[in-house]
Amino acid sequence: MTDIQHHVIGQVSGRIYGVAGYYSENDSTQHVVVATNDGTLYEIHWNRNTAYTSPQAFAQYPGIASLGGFFTPDDNRQHVIVATEDGGLNELYFTNLSQVNTRPLIQLPPSSFHIGMASFCSSDDGMRHVTVGGADNILYEVVWSAQHAPTARILADQFRLSDVAAIAGYCDFFEPPHAENFRSVSVIIAMKGGDVFDVHYGFGGVGTNLLTTFSPPLVNVAALVNTDTHVRHVIVLNATGELNIYSYTFWQIFPQIQLYTLRNVIDIAAYYSAYDRTNHVILVTSDGNVHEIYYV
């Protein structure tokens, strides 16, 4: 891990609730979506040729519980997913903020567990994946696409969600010579006590592995996969503001590394941008600042 950089990319008025970040392949642009406590969504975007835009409000969801975001290469659209406290899962999809389409995806059991969301698209088949915490300590996965209606299933029920700090996730697709068209889906579960689990599926059914253990207490987690090298990065935030990284592949495990220290962090997100082959961690702090930490 080299050349760690930190910038403040924007400032959002109001109490910040959460953040999502993603990279759109069609225009090599990075996007950050910030939610405030009243459910207002703001977007910031930039690339190597354009500066950070000012935060632009584009939607509002009162009672917001979690949010995620991703780009879908099958239709060149951006997707922002919002879960609300009543169990509603909602999708906003667009190519630019001048025309945002919205629709309810599915209704899940209400939950008071604010542990974030794992959201991503599997690029080989265009399926959209979202995992959220529901009632009775259940992690639900919702899957859909442009051609398939949303369906929900129980992904995991072995975790007491009151002990979960946060969840994140990614999808990695291997092509020859790495593998024979193999898709690996992972939802990362960071426990407040320091354990980090990988709930995964690929060849067969769902499995759960203990990835690593960090010094507690953990308060948040983000995850990304480098689609060029297939190195997975799990970024955890502890109560003292330390960001630490655990990186691994199917074939190798790397030592834990401290990335940065930042106080008063509300939420974090992470993604990989292929155009500059760089890993990005987005953080929002209680003063309304939106931070970007990037590294290779």
Protein backbone atom coordinates (compact mmCIF):
# COMPACT_ATOMS: atom_id res chain seq x y z
CA MET A 1 0.00 0.00 0.00
CA THR A 2 1.60 3.26 -1.14
CA ASP A 3 0.97 6.97 -1.72
CA ILE A 4 -1.84 7.54 0.80
CA GLN A 5 -3.64 10.82 0.07
CA HIS A 6 -6.36 12.64 2.02
CA HIS A 7 -8.63 15.45 0.80
CA VAL A 8 -11.84 17.11 1.95
CA ILE A 9 -14.03 17.00 -1.14
CA GLY A 10 -17.14 18.79 0.10
CA GLN A 11 -19.23 20.03 2.98
CA VAL A 12 -22.88 19.16 3.61
CA SER A 13 -25.18 21.21 5.83
CA GLY A 14 -27.25 19.42 8.43
CA ARG A 15 -26.57 16.40 10.59
CA ILE A 16 -25.05 13.66 8.45
CA TYR A 17 -26.52 10.18 8.67
CA GLY A 18 -24.56 8.08 6.18
CA VAL A 19 -22.58 7.87 2.96
CA ALA A 20 -22.25 5.68 -0.14
CA GLY A 21 -19.63 5.78 -2.88
CA TYR A 22 -19.12 4.14 -6.25
CA TYR A 23 -17.33 4.40 -9.61
CA SER A 24 -19.12 4.62 -12.96
CA GLU A 25 -17.15 2.83 -15.67
CA ASN A 26 -18.79 4.43 -18.69
CA ASP A 27 -17.44 7.91 -17.93
CA SER A 28 -14.61 7.11 -15.46
CA THR A 29 -16.29 9.20 -12.78
CA GLN A 30 -16.42 8.82 -9.02
CA HIS A 31 -19.62 9.47 -7.10
CA VAL A 32 -20.43 10.07 -3.44
CA VAL A 33 -23.95 10.18 -2.00
CA VAL A 34 -24.43 11.67 1.47
CA ALA A 35 -27.63 11.37 3.51
CA THR A 36 -28.59 13.72 6.34
CA ASN A 37 -30.76 12.76 9.31
CA ASP A 38 -33.89 14.18 7.70
CA GLY A 39 -33.39 11.81 4.74
CA THR A 40 -32.09 14.34 2.21
CA LEU A 41 -29.68 12.83 -0.33
CA TYR A 42 -26.79 14.86 -1.77
CA GLU A 43 -24.45 13.85 -4.60
CA ILE A 44 -20.84 14.85 -5.36
CA HIS A 45 -18.94 13.62 -8.42
CA TRP A 46 -15.58 14.16 -10.09
CA ASN A 47 -12.94 12.53 -12.32
CA ARG A 48 -9.40 13.22 -13.45
CA ASN A 49 -10.55 16.03 -15.75
CA THR A 50 -13.16 17.74 -13.55
CA ALA A 51 -13.08 19.10 -10.01
CA TYR A 52 -15.35 17.98 -7.20
CA THR A 53 -18.87 19.28 -7.75
CA SER A 54 -20.75 21.07 -5.01
CA PRO A 55 -23.15 18.78 -3.09
CA GLN A 56 -26.48 18.71 -4.93
CA ALA A 57 -29.67 17.61 -3.17
CA PHE A 58 -31.74 15.26 -5.35
CA ALA A 59 -34.13 13.24 -3.15
CA GLN A 60 -35.49 12.86 0.36
CA TYR A 61 -36.48 9.76 2.33
CA PRO A 62 -37.67 10.51 5.89
CA GLY A 63 -36.97 7.67 8.30
CA ILE A 64 -33.85 6.58 6.43
CA ALA A 65 -32.14 3.50 7.91
CA SER A 66 -29.29 2.85 5.45
CA LEU A 67 -28.15 3.57 1.93
CA GLY A 68 -25.90 2.15 -0.78
CA GLY A 69 -24.91 2.87 -4.34
CA PHE A 70 -23.41 1.25 -7.41
CA PHE A 71 -23.09 1.48 -11.19
CA THR A 72 -24.59 -1.08 -13.58
CA PRO A 73 -22.62 -1.55 -16.83
CA ASP A 74 -25.48 -3.33 -18.62
CA ASP A 75 -27.44 -0.07 -18.89
CA ASN A 76 -24.84 2.57 -17.87
CA ARG A 77 -26.99 3.71 -14.96
CA GLN A 78 -26.23 4.75 -11.42
CA HIS A 79 -28.29 3.27 -8.62
CA VAL A 80 -28.83 4.59 -5.11
CA ILE A 81 -30.62 2.25 -2.71
CA VAL A 82 -32.37 3.56 0.40
CA ALA A 83 -33.73 1.42 3.24
CA THR A 84 -36.23 3.02 5.61
CA GLU A 85 -37.06 2.14 9.20
CA ASP A 86 -40.45 0.70 8.21
CA GLY A 87 -38.71 -2.00 6.15
CA GLY A 88 -39.11 -0.37 2.75
CA LEU A 89 -36.32 -0.79 0.20
CA ASN A 90 -36.29 1.88 -2.50
CA GLU A 91 -34.28 2.35 -5.69
CA LEU A 92 -33.27 5.59 -7.41
CA TYR A 93 -31.70 5.08 -10.84
CA PHE A 94 -30.39 7.64 -13.31
CA THR A 95 -27.70 8.56 -15.79
CA ASN A 96 -27.51 12.11 -14.44
CA LEU A 97 -29.26 14.06 -11.69
CA SER A 98 -31.45 15.98 -14.11
CA GLN A 99 -33.72 12.96 -14.45
CA VAL A 100 -33.89 10.64 -11.43
CA ASN A 101 -36.29 7.69 -11.53
CA THR A 102 -37.55 6.17 -8.27
CA ARG A 103 -39.42 3.04 -7.36
CA PRO A 104 -40.09 0.85 -4.32
CA LEU A 105 -38.22 -2.45 -4.62
CA ILE A 106 -39.63 -4.63 -1.89
CA GLN A 107 -41.04 -4.53 1.64
CA LEU A 108 -39.02 -6.26 4.37
CA PRO A 109 -39.78 -6.63 8.09
CA PRO A 110 -39.09 -3.38 9.98
CA SER A 111 -35.84 -3.22 11.93
CA SER A 112 -34.19 -0.93 14.46
CA PHE A 113 -30.69 -2.23 13.61
CA HIS A 114 -28.77 0.58 11.91
CA ILE A 115 -25.83 -1.47 10.65
CA GLY A 116 -25.59 -0.09 7.14
CA MET A 117 -26.00 -1.87 3.85
CA ALA A 118 -24.01 -4.05 1.46
CA SER A 119 -24.84 -3.11 -2.14
CA PHE A 120 -23.20 -3.95 -5.46
CA CYS A 121 -23.78 -5.24 -8.99
CA SER A 122 -22.40 -8.48 -10.40
CA SER A 123 -20.99 -7.28 -13.71
CA ASP A 124 -21.21 -10.60 -15.55
CA ASP A 125 -24.99 -10.96 -15.33
CA GLY A 126 -26.17 -7.47 -14.33
CA MET A 127 -27.80 -8.67 -11.12
CA ARG A 128 -28.13 -6.09 -8.36
CA HIS A 129 -27.49 -7.24 -4.77
CA VAL A 130 -28.45 -5.53 -1.52
CA THR A 131 -28.10 -6.93 2.00
CA VAL A 132 -29.74 -5.23 4.98
CA GLY A 133 -30.50 -6.18 8.56
CA GLY A 134 -34.09 -7.08 9.33
CA ALA A 135 -36.15 -8.11 12.29
CA ASP A 136 -35.28 -11.13 14.46
CA ASN A 137 -31.52 -10.91 13.77
CA ILE A 138 -31.84 -11.75 10.08
CA LEU A 139 -29.70 -10.47 7.22
CA TYR A 140 -31.85 -10.31 4.09
CA GLU A 141 -30.42 -10.27 0.57
CA VAL A 142 -32.51 -8.72 -2.21
CA VAL A 143 -31.53 -9.49 -5.81
CA TRP A 144 -32.95 -8.06 -9.04
CA SER A 145 -32.01 -6.77 -12.49
CA ALA A 146 -33.49 -4.83 -15.37
CA GLN A 147 -35.20 -8.04 -16.50
CA HIS A 148 -35.90 -9.72 -13.12
CA ALA A 149 -38.22 -8.52 -10.36
CA PRO A 150 -36.74 -8.13 -6.87
CA THR A 151 -36.70 -11.24 -4.70
CA ALA A 152 -35.60 -11.55 -1.08
CA ARG A 153 -34.03 -14.40 0.83
CA ILE A 154 -32.45 -14.95 4.24
CA LEU A 155 -28.71 -14.69 3.71
CA ALA A 156 -27.65 -15.24 7.34
CA ASP A 157 -29.32 -15.60 10.73
CA GLN A 158 -26.40 -16.62 12.96
CA PHE A 159 -25.44 -13.10 14.03
CA ARG A 160 -27.02 -11.11 16.84
CA LEU A 161 -27.46 -7.84 15.00
CA SER A 162 -27.18 -5.77 18.17
CA ASP A 163 -23.56 -6.98 18.28
CA VAL A 164 -22.86 -6.01 14.64
CA ALA A 165 -20.99 -2.75 14.06
CA ALA A 166 -21.67 -2.57 10.31
CA ILE A 167 -21.85 -4.56 7.07
CA ALA A 168 -20.34 -4.05 3.61
CA GLY A 169 -19.84 -6.18 0.51
CA TYR A 170 -18.57 -6.71 -3.01
CA CYS A 171 -18.76 -9.03 -6.01
CA ASP A 172 -15.66 -10.30 -7.79
CA PHE A 173 -15.85 -11.94 -11.21
CA PHE A 174 -12.95 -14.08 -12.40
CA GLU A 175 -12.29 -14.83 -16.03
CA PRO A 176 -9.62 -17.10 -17.54
CA PRO A 177 -6.74 -17.44 -16.81
CA HIS A 178 -7.74 -16.70 -13.19
CA ALA A 179 -10.70 -19.08 -13.19
CA GLU A 180 -13.37 -20.53 -15.42
CA ASN A 181 -15.91 -17.67 -15.26
CA PHE A 182 -16.29 -17.74 -11.47
CA ARG A 183 -18.34 -15.18 -9.52
CA SER A 184 -17.56 -14.62 -5.83
CA VAL A 185 -20.06 -12.66 -3.71
CA SER A 186 -19.14 -11.57 -0.18
CA VAL A 187 -20.95 -9.71 2.57
CA ILE A 188 -18.55 -8.53 5.25
CA ILE A 189 -19.85 -8.53 8.84
CA ALA A 190 -17.84 -6.48 11.35
CA MET A 191 -18.70 -7.25 14.97
CA LYS A 192 -18.35 -4.62 17.68
CA GLY A 193 -16.11 -7.04 19.58
CA GLY A 194 -13.49 -7.05 16.79
CA ASP A 195 -14.26 -10.18 14.74
CA VAL A 196 -14.82 -9.74 10.99
CA PHE A 197 -16.73 -12.41 9.07
CA ASP A 198 -17.20 -13.10 5.36
CA VAL A 199 -20.61 -14.46 4.37
CA HIS A 200 -19.98 -15.68 0.85
CA TYR A 201 -21.31 -17.72 -2.02
CA GLY A 202 -19.99 -18.68 -5.42
CA PHE A 203 -19.67 -22.31 -6.47
CA GLY A 204 -22.32 -23.67 -4.11
CA GLY A 205 -24.32 -22.62 -1.09
CA VAL A 206 -23.74 -19.86 1.42
CA GLY A 207 -20.76 -20.17 3.74
CA THR A 208 -19.35 -18.08 6.58
CA ASN A 209 -15.67 -17.64 7.44
CA LEU A 210 -13.93 -15.67 10.18
CA LEU A 211 -11.61 -13.40 8.18
CA THR A 212 -9.67 -11.69 10.94
CA THR A 213 -9.94 -9.98 14.32
CA PHE A 214 -9.15 -6.35 15.09
CA SER A 215 -8.76 -4.61 18.43
CA PRO A 216 -12.23 -3.60 19.63
CA PRO A 217 -14.45 -1.82 19.68
CA LEU A 218 -15.23 -1.61 15.98
CA VAL A 219 -17.76 0.97 14.83
CA ASN A 220 -17.88 0.68 11.03
CA VAL A 221 -16.64 -1.25 7.99
CA ALA A 222 -16.27 -0.77 4.24
CA ALA A 223 -15.06 -3.20 1.59
CA LEU A 224 -13.85 -3.17 -1.99
CA VAL A 225 -12.24 -5.47 -4.51
CA ASN A 226 -9.52 -4.46 -6.95
CA THR A 227 -10.97 -5.89 -10.17
CA ASP A 228 -7.54 -5.91 -11.84
CA THR A 229 -5.62 -7.85 -9.17
CA HIS A 230 -8.58 -9.48 -7.32
CA VAL A 231 -7.20 -8.26 -4.01
CA ARG A 232 -10.03 -7.68 -1.52
CA HIS A 233 -9.76 -4.85 1.00
CA VAL A 234 -11.72 -4.77 4.26
CA ILE A 235 -11.45 -1.36 5.92
CA VAL A 236 -12.54 -1.14 9.56
CA LEU A 237 -12.99 1.90 11.75
CA ASN A 238 -12.53 1.61 15.50
CA ALA A 239 -13.77 3.85 18.30
CA THR A 240 -10.53 5.86 18.42
CA GLY A 241 -10.80 6.89 14.75
CA GLU A 242 -8.21 4.47 13.39
CA LEU A 243 -8.81 3.07 9.90
CA ASN A 244 -7.19 -0.33 9.47
CA ILE A 245 -7.08 -2.56 6.41
CA TYR A 246 -7.11 -6.33 6.02
CA SER A 247 -6.33 -7.41 2.44
CA TYR A 248 -6.49 -10.87 0.93
CA THR A 249 -7.04 -12.95 -2.20
CA PHE A 250 -8.04 -16.56 -2.71
CA TRP A 251 -4.36 -17.39 -2.58
CA GLN A 252 -2.75 -14.93 -0.16
CA ILE A 253 -3.37 -13.04 3.08
CA PHE A 254 -1.65 -9.72 3.76
CA PRO A 255 -0.82 -8.25 7.19
CA GLN A 256 -3.19 -5.74 8.77
CA ILE A 257 -2.12 -2.17 8.03
CA GLN A 258 -3.17 1.12 9.61
CA LEU A 259 -4.38 3.43 6.84
CA TYR A 260 -5.26 6.67 8.59
CA THR A 261 -6.71 8.23 11.75
CA LEU A 262 -9.67 10.58 11.59
CA ARG A 263 -11.88 11.65 14.49
CA ASN A 264 -15.66 12.07 14.66
CA VAL A 265 -16.41 9.81 11.68
CA ILE A 266 -20.12 9.15 11.12
CA ASP A 267 -19.93 6.63 8.27
CA ILE A 268 -17.55 5.18 5.67
CA ALA A 269 -17.74 3.69 2.16
CA ALA A 270 -15.16 2.31 -0.27
CA TYR A 271 -14.72 1.44 -3.94
CA TYR A 272 -12.06 0.79 -6.58
CA SER A 273 -11.74 3.00 -9.66
CA ALA A 274 -10.31 1.15 -12.64
CA TYR A 275 -9.35 4.24 -14.67
CA ASP A 276 -6.59 5.20 -12.20
CA ARG A 277 -6.19 1.78 -10.52
CA THR A 278 -6.74 3.36 -7.13
CA ASN A 279 -8.61 2.35 -3.98
CA HIS A 280 -10.86 4.99 -2.44
CA VAL A 281 -12.30 5.31 1.07
CA ILE A 282 -14.99 7.94 1.63
CA LEU A 283 -15.69 9.22 5.15
CA VAL A 284 -18.16 11.75 6.52
CA THR A 285 -17.53 13.50 9.82
CA SER A 286 -19.81 15.19 12.31
CA ASP A 287 -18.75 18.67 11.12
CA GLY A 288 -20.36 17.97 7.72
CA ASN A 289 -17.11 17.40 5.86
CA VAL A 290 -16.84 14.69 3.20
CA HIS A 291 -13.35 13.15 3.07
CA GLU A 292 -11.61 11.07 0.42
CA ILE A 293 -8.64 8.87 1.32
CA TYR A 294 -7.10 7.06 -1.64
CA TYR A 295 -4.19 4.70 -2.05
CA VAL A 296 -2.70 2.10 -4.39
